[in-house]
Amino acid sequence: MRRELLPAQSPALLRELHLLTREGNLNADSLRKLKQVNHLVGLLRPAVEDVLARHPSAVLVDAGSGNAYLGFILYELFLKDAAEGRLLSIEGRAELTERAKERAQRLGFTRMDFQTAHLEGAPWPERIHLLTALHACDTATDDALLAAIQRNADHVAVVPCCQAEVAAQLKGQRQEVDASLGMLFQHPWHRREFGSHLTNVIRALTLEAFGYQVTVTELTGWEHSLKNELILGRRVHRENRPARAKLEALLGSFGVQPKLTQALGVGPAATRTPPA
């Protein structure tokens, strides 16, 4: 299949990412992957252009980067021809980090850095201007969001992956919450699904509480994945007290306190004792 509707990437980059054959063709699977990443990049474009306009030496971080497809494409589109700015990819698997380093060297992407670390213990930059986390599993998404909030990231974009923390906390709370709310997660299947939904609601509300304007949407084009929720945040204030009050009330209603809110010192508001 010929390359189509994707004029932004150079053939050299696509070959390095093993998406383009020597003949200059894309197979169906490669075309699908590339369209997915390009769709996400299109959504990120306003954020990237904003931070580069205000911070020429901006630091972009791709957390849990995997093969760093997103990082390479962001670099080529926005940083390759710029005088400043760096992109840091953080990945826990050393073999992927080394492979990505070699690719960057061959491509001459000199301001693209790679770090082997799990997000929970990663040595983050002092200042982050844009942070992305694409399918960082379970609480790794929370680690990325925590780093973004603590380092005053101007923009955040996460596509959460599988998550079990809140569902596990809900298991012991059904008798403690209002009976009608408890029905939402009475069965294990519903508890997993509701726990996943509640986790992302808490994440979005946490961003709002710390001054972000938040948009939650579907990452269209990722229909093959069950996890295609995109949370975008743009920092507009230092804090948002009404949003924090809502967050504390939500945590109190369900008796949960995920890793992200614990790390930020946000606790559940006191709730009334349910009737016997």
Protein backbone atom coordinates (compact mmCIF):
# COMPACT_ATOMS: atom_id res chain seq x y z
CA MET A 1 0.00 0.00 0.00
CA ARG A 2 1.39 3.37 -1.03
CA ARG A 3 2.00 6.08 1.50
CA GLU A 4 -1.06 8.37 1.51
CA LEU A 5 -2.38 11.39 3.45
CA LEU A 6 0.76 11.34 5.59
CA PRO A 7 3.11 13.93 4.10
CA ALA A 8 4.70 15.07 7.34
CA GLN A 9 7.17 12.25 8.01
CA SER A 10 10.36 11.76 6.05
CA PRO A 11 11.01 8.38 4.41
CA ALA A 12 14.21 8.13 6.49
CA LEU A 13 12.23 8.27 9.73
CA LEU A 14 9.59 5.84 8.52
CA ARG A 15 12.27 3.35 7.51
CA GLU A 16 13.97 3.68 10.89
CA LEU A 17 10.65 2.92 12.56
CA HIS A 18 10.22 -0.08 10.24
CA LEU A 19 7.01 1.40 8.86
CA LEU A 20 8.25 1.90 5.32
CA THR A 21 9.78 -0.69 3.03
CA ARG A 22 12.82 -0.03 0.85
CA GLU A 23 10.41 0.37 -2.05
CA GLY A 24 8.63 3.17 -0.22
CA ASN A 25 5.47 1.26 0.57
CA LEU A 26 3.37 0.84 3.69
CA ASN A 27 1.52 -2.35 4.50
CA ALA A 28 -1.94 -2.15 6.05
CA ASP A 29 -0.71 -2.62 9.61
CA SER A 30 1.99 0.05 9.28
CA LEU A 31 -0.46 2.47 7.71
CA ARG A 32 -2.88 1.92 10.60
CA LYS A 33 -0.18 2.53 13.22
CA LEU A 34 1.06 5.64 11.50
CA LYS A 35 -2.41 7.11 11.08
CA GLN A 36 -3.07 6.52 14.78
CA VAL A 37 0.08 8.33 15.87
CA ASN A 38 -0.49 11.13 13.37
CA HIS A 39 -4.03 11.60 14.67
CA LEU A 40 -2.67 11.98 18.20
CA VAL A 41 0.05 14.34 16.97
CA GLY A 42 -2.64 16.45 15.32
CA LEU A 43 -4.41 16.77 18.66
CA LEU A 44 -1.12 17.66 20.35
CA ARG A 45 -0.07 20.24 17.75
CA PRO A 46 -1.69 23.26 19.49
CA ALA A 47 -0.01 22.32 22.78
CA VAL A 48 3.42 21.82 21.23
CA GLU A 49 3.22 25.05 19.24
CA ASP A 50 2.10 26.90 22.37
CA VAL A 51 5.00 25.75 24.55
CA LEU A 52 7.60 26.32 21.82
CA ALA A 53 6.28 29.84 21.20
CA ARG A 54 6.55 30.74 24.90
CA HIS A 55 9.54 28.56 25.83
CA PRO A 56 11.97 28.12 22.92
CA SER A 57 14.10 25.74 25.02
CA ALA A 58 11.04 23.72 26.08
CA VAL A 59 11.34 20.21 27.48
CA LEU A 60 8.90 17.67 26.04
CA VAL A 61 8.61 14.34 27.86
CA ASP A 62 7.14 11.12 26.49
CA ALA A 63 6.60 8.95 29.57
CA GLY A 64 6.49 5.18 29.11
CA SER A 65 7.57 5.70 25.53
CA GLY A 66 7.92 2.10 24.37
CA ASN A 67 9.43 2.17 20.89
CA ALA A 68 9.24 5.98 20.98
CA TYR A 69 7.19 6.28 17.79
CA LEU A 70 5.38 9.30 19.19
CA GLY A 71 8.61 10.94 20.37
CA PHE A 72 10.37 10.51 17.03
CA ILE A 73 7.46 11.96 15.10
CA LEU A 74 7.08 14.89 17.50
CA TYR A 75 10.80 15.61 17.22
CA GLU A 76 10.85 15.56 13.43
CA LEU A 77 7.76 17.74 13.11
CA PHE A 78 8.48 20.33 15.79
CA LEU A 79 12.08 20.21 17.04
CA LYS A 80 14.30 19.03 14.20
CA ASP A 81 14.44 22.43 12.50
CA ALA A 82 14.20 24.46 15.71
CA ALA A 83 17.27 26.01 17.31
CA GLU A 84 16.36 24.79 20.80
CA GLY A 85 14.08 22.43 22.69
CA ARG A 86 14.58 18.86 23.83
CA LEU A 87 12.50 15.72 23.85
CA LEU A 88 13.02 13.12 26.58
CA SER A 89 11.70 9.57 26.21
CA ILE A 90 11.43 7.54 29.43
CA GLU A 91 11.04 3.77 29.12
CA GLY A 92 11.55 0.98 31.63
CA ARG A 93 12.82 -1.62 29.16
CA ALA A 94 16.52 -1.11 28.50
CA GLU A 95 16.48 -2.88 25.13
CA LEU A 96 13.90 -0.43 23.79
CA THR A 97 15.85 2.54 25.12
CA GLU A 98 19.08 1.37 23.46
CA ARG A 99 17.33 0.71 20.18
CA ALA A 100 15.77 4.17 20.22
CA LYS A 101 19.13 5.80 21.04
CA GLU A 102 20.71 4.15 18.00
CA ARG A 103 17.87 5.32 15.79
CA ALA A 104 18.21 8.89 17.02
CA GLN A 105 21.95 8.84 16.31
CA ARG A 106 21.42 7.58 12.78
CA LEU A 107 18.78 10.23 12.15
CA GLY A 108 20.85 13.03 13.66
CA PHE A 109 18.20 13.86 16.27
CA THR A 110 20.76 15.35 18.63
CA ARG A 111 18.31 16.92 21.11
CA MET A 112 16.37 13.71 21.67
CA ASP A 113 17.30 12.02 24.96
CA PHE A 114 16.49 8.59 26.32
CA GLN A 115 16.27 7.35 29.86
CA THR A 116 15.76 3.81 31.13
CA ALA A 117 13.56 4.02 34.22
CA HIS A 118 10.19 3.01 35.56
CA LEU A 119 8.04 6.09 35.92
CA GLU A 120 7.60 5.74 39.67
CA GLY A 121 11.32 6.21 40.29
CA ALA A 122 12.34 8.20 37.23
CA PRO A 123 14.63 11.24 37.73
CA TRP A 124 12.34 13.75 36.05
CA PRO A 125 13.55 17.08 34.66
CA GLU A 126 13.13 20.03 37.00
CA ARG A 127 10.74 21.66 34.53
CA ILE A 128 8.46 19.94 32.05
CA HIS A 129 6.56 21.96 29.45
CA LEU A 130 4.61 19.16 27.75
CA LEU A 131 4.15 15.63 29.04
CA THR A 132 2.59 12.75 27.15
CA ALA A 133 1.92 9.23 28.42
CA LEU A 134 0.48 6.79 25.91
CA HIS A 135 -0.86 3.60 27.50
CA ALA A 136 1.27 3.76 30.65
CA CYS A 137 -0.13 0.76 32.52
CA ASP A 138 -2.13 0.96 35.76
CA THR A 139 -0.64 3.49 38.22
CA ALA A 140 2.18 4.45 35.82
CA THR A 141 -0.26 6.96 34.34
CA ASP A 142 -0.59 8.45 37.83
CA ASP A 143 3.20 8.65 38.12
CA ALA A 144 3.28 10.61 34.87
CA LEU A 145 0.48 12.93 35.95
CA LEU A 146 2.16 13.50 39.31
CA ALA A 147 5.40 14.51 37.58
CA ALA A 148 3.50 16.88 35.28
CA ILE A 149 1.67 18.58 38.14
CA GLN A 150 4.72 18.84 40.41
CA ARG A 151 6.90 20.23 37.62
CA ASN A 152 4.33 22.74 36.41
CA ALA A 153 3.80 21.22 32.97
CA ASP A 154 2.00 23.66 30.69
CA HIS A 155 0.26 20.82 28.85
CA VAL A 156 -0.53 17.19 29.63
CA ALA A 157 -1.85 14.45 27.36
CA VAL A 158 -2.43 10.92 28.61
CA VAL A 159 -4.14 7.86 27.18
CA PRO A 160 -4.62 5.64 30.24
CA CYS A 161 -4.13 1.89 29.99
CA CYS A 162 -5.35 -0.98 32.17
CA GLN A 163 -5.99 0.02 35.78
CA ALA A 164 -6.80 -2.07 38.83
CA GLU A 165 -5.98 0.06 41.87
CA VAL A 166 -9.35 1.74 42.39
CA ALA A 167 -11.32 -1.41 41.54
CA ALA A 168 -9.44 -3.22 44.31
CA GLN A 169 -10.26 -0.42 46.74
CA LEU A 170 -13.93 -0.50 45.74
CA LYS A 171 -14.16 -4.18 46.60
CA GLY A 172 -14.13 -3.46 50.29
CA GLN A 173 -16.31 -0.36 50.12
CA ARG A 174 -19.66 -1.57 48.77
CA GLN A 175 -21.25 -1.81 52.21
CA GLU A 176 -19.84 1.58 53.24
CA VAL A 177 -21.27 3.72 50.48
CA ASP A 178 -24.81 4.71 49.65
CA ALA A 179 -26.74 1.59 48.61
CA SER A 180 -27.65 2.98 45.19
CA LEU A 181 -23.98 3.79 44.45
CA GLY A 182 -22.90 0.35 45.66
CA MET A 183 -25.05 -1.24 42.98
CA LEU A 184 -22.73 0.27 40.37
CA PHE A 185 -19.90 -2.09 41.35
CA GLN A 186 -21.67 -5.03 42.97
CA HIS A 187 -20.42 -7.58 40.43
CA PRO A 188 -16.70 -8.13 39.69
CA TRP A 189 -17.10 -7.28 35.99
CA HIS A 190 -18.88 -4.04 36.79
CA ARG A 191 -16.33 -3.27 39.51
CA ARG A 192 -13.49 -3.49 37.00
CA GLU A 193 -15.29 -1.34 34.44
CA PHE A 194 -16.61 1.18 36.95
CA GLY A 195 -13.24 1.29 38.70
CA SER A 196 -11.57 2.13 35.40
CA HIS A 197 -14.08 4.88 34.68
CA LEU A 198 -13.84 6.28 38.22
CA THR A 199 -10.04 6.27 38.01
CA ASN A 200 -10.06 8.47 34.92
CA VAL A 201 -12.72 10.79 36.35
CA ILE A 202 -10.49 11.25 39.40
CA ARG A 203 -7.46 11.89 37.18
CA ALA A 204 -9.27 14.54 35.17
CA LEU A 205 -10.68 16.19 38.29
CA THR A 206 -7.24 16.13 39.93
CA LEU A 207 -5.81 18.03 36.98
CA GLU A 208 -8.62 20.55 37.30
CA ALA A 209 -7.98 20.92 41.04
CA PHE A 210 -4.38 21.84 40.28
CA GLY A 211 -5.25 24.51 37.77
CA TYR A 212 -5.67 22.67 34.47
CA GLN A 213 -8.38 23.18 31.91
CA VAL A 214 -9.28 19.62 30.97
CA THR A 215 -10.77 18.00 27.88
CA VAL A 216 -11.66 14.31 27.80
CA THR A 217 -12.31 12.74 24.43
CA GLU A 218 -12.03 9.57 22.41
CA LEU A 219 -8.80 8.95 20.58
CA THR A 220 -10.46 8.02 17.32
CA GLY A 221 -8.58 5.68 15.05
CA TRP A 222 -7.60 3.41 17.94
CA GLU A 223 -10.64 1.19 17.62
CA HIS A 224 -8.48 -1.93 17.96
CA SER A 225 -7.73 -0.89 21.54
CA LEU A 226 -10.23 -1.03 24.40
CA LYS A 227 -8.37 1.86 26.01
CA ASN A 228 -8.76 4.90 23.80
CA GLU A 229 -9.72 7.66 26.25
CA LEU A 230 -7.62 10.79 25.83
CA ILE A 231 -7.24 13.26 28.72
CA LEU A 232 -5.83 16.64 27.70
CA GLY A 233 -4.89 19.30 30.22
CA ARG A 234 -3.73 22.90 29.79
CA ARG A 235 -2.56 24.76 32.86
CA VAL A 236 -4.40 28.05 33.30
CA HIS A 237 -4.31 28.62 37.08
CA ARG A 238 -2.21 27.65 40.08
CA GLU A 239 -5.18 25.91 41.68
CA ASN A 240 -8.93 25.48 41.44
CA ARG A 241 -10.49 25.24 44.89
CA PRO A 242 -14.04 24.36 43.75
CA ALA A 243 -12.64 21.50 41.67
CA ARG A 244 -10.61 20.31 44.65
CA ALA A 245 -13.74 20.30 46.82
CA LYS A 246 -15.52 18.21 44.19
CA LEU A 247 -12.56 15.82 44.06
CA GLU A 248 -12.51 15.41 47.83
CA ALA A 249 -16.28 14.80 47.83
CA LEU A 250 -15.95 12.18 45.09
CA LEU A 251 -13.19 10.35 46.95
CA GLY A 252 -15.31 10.41 50.09
CA SER A 253 -18.41 9.15 48.32
CA PHE A 254 -16.67 5.95 47.24
CA GLY A 255 -14.11 5.59 50.01
CA VAL A 256 -11.17 5.41 47.61
CA GLN A 257 -7.84 7.18 47.56
CA PRO A 258 -5.72 6.38 44.52
CA LYS A 259 -1.98 6.83 44.29
CA LEU A 260 -2.21 10.18 42.51
CA THR A 261 -4.37 11.92 45.10
CA GLN A 262 -2.41 10.43 47.98
CA ALA A 263 0.86 11.73 46.55
CA LEU A 264 -0.62 15.20 46.13
CA GLY A 265 -2.06 15.30 49.64
CA VAL A 266 -5.71 15.30 48.56
CA GLY A 267 -7.90 13.27 50.89
CA PRO A 268 -11.55 12.24 50.89
CA ALA A 269 -14.09 14.57 52.41
CA ALA A 270 -16.07 13.24 55.35
CA THR A 271 -19.33 11.62 54.28
CA ARG A 272 -22.46 10.80 56.12
CA THR A 273 -22.87 7.36 57.65
CA PRO A 274 -25.09 5.25 55.38
CA PRO A 275 -28.35 4.01 56.90
CA ALA A 276 -28.30 0.57 58.50
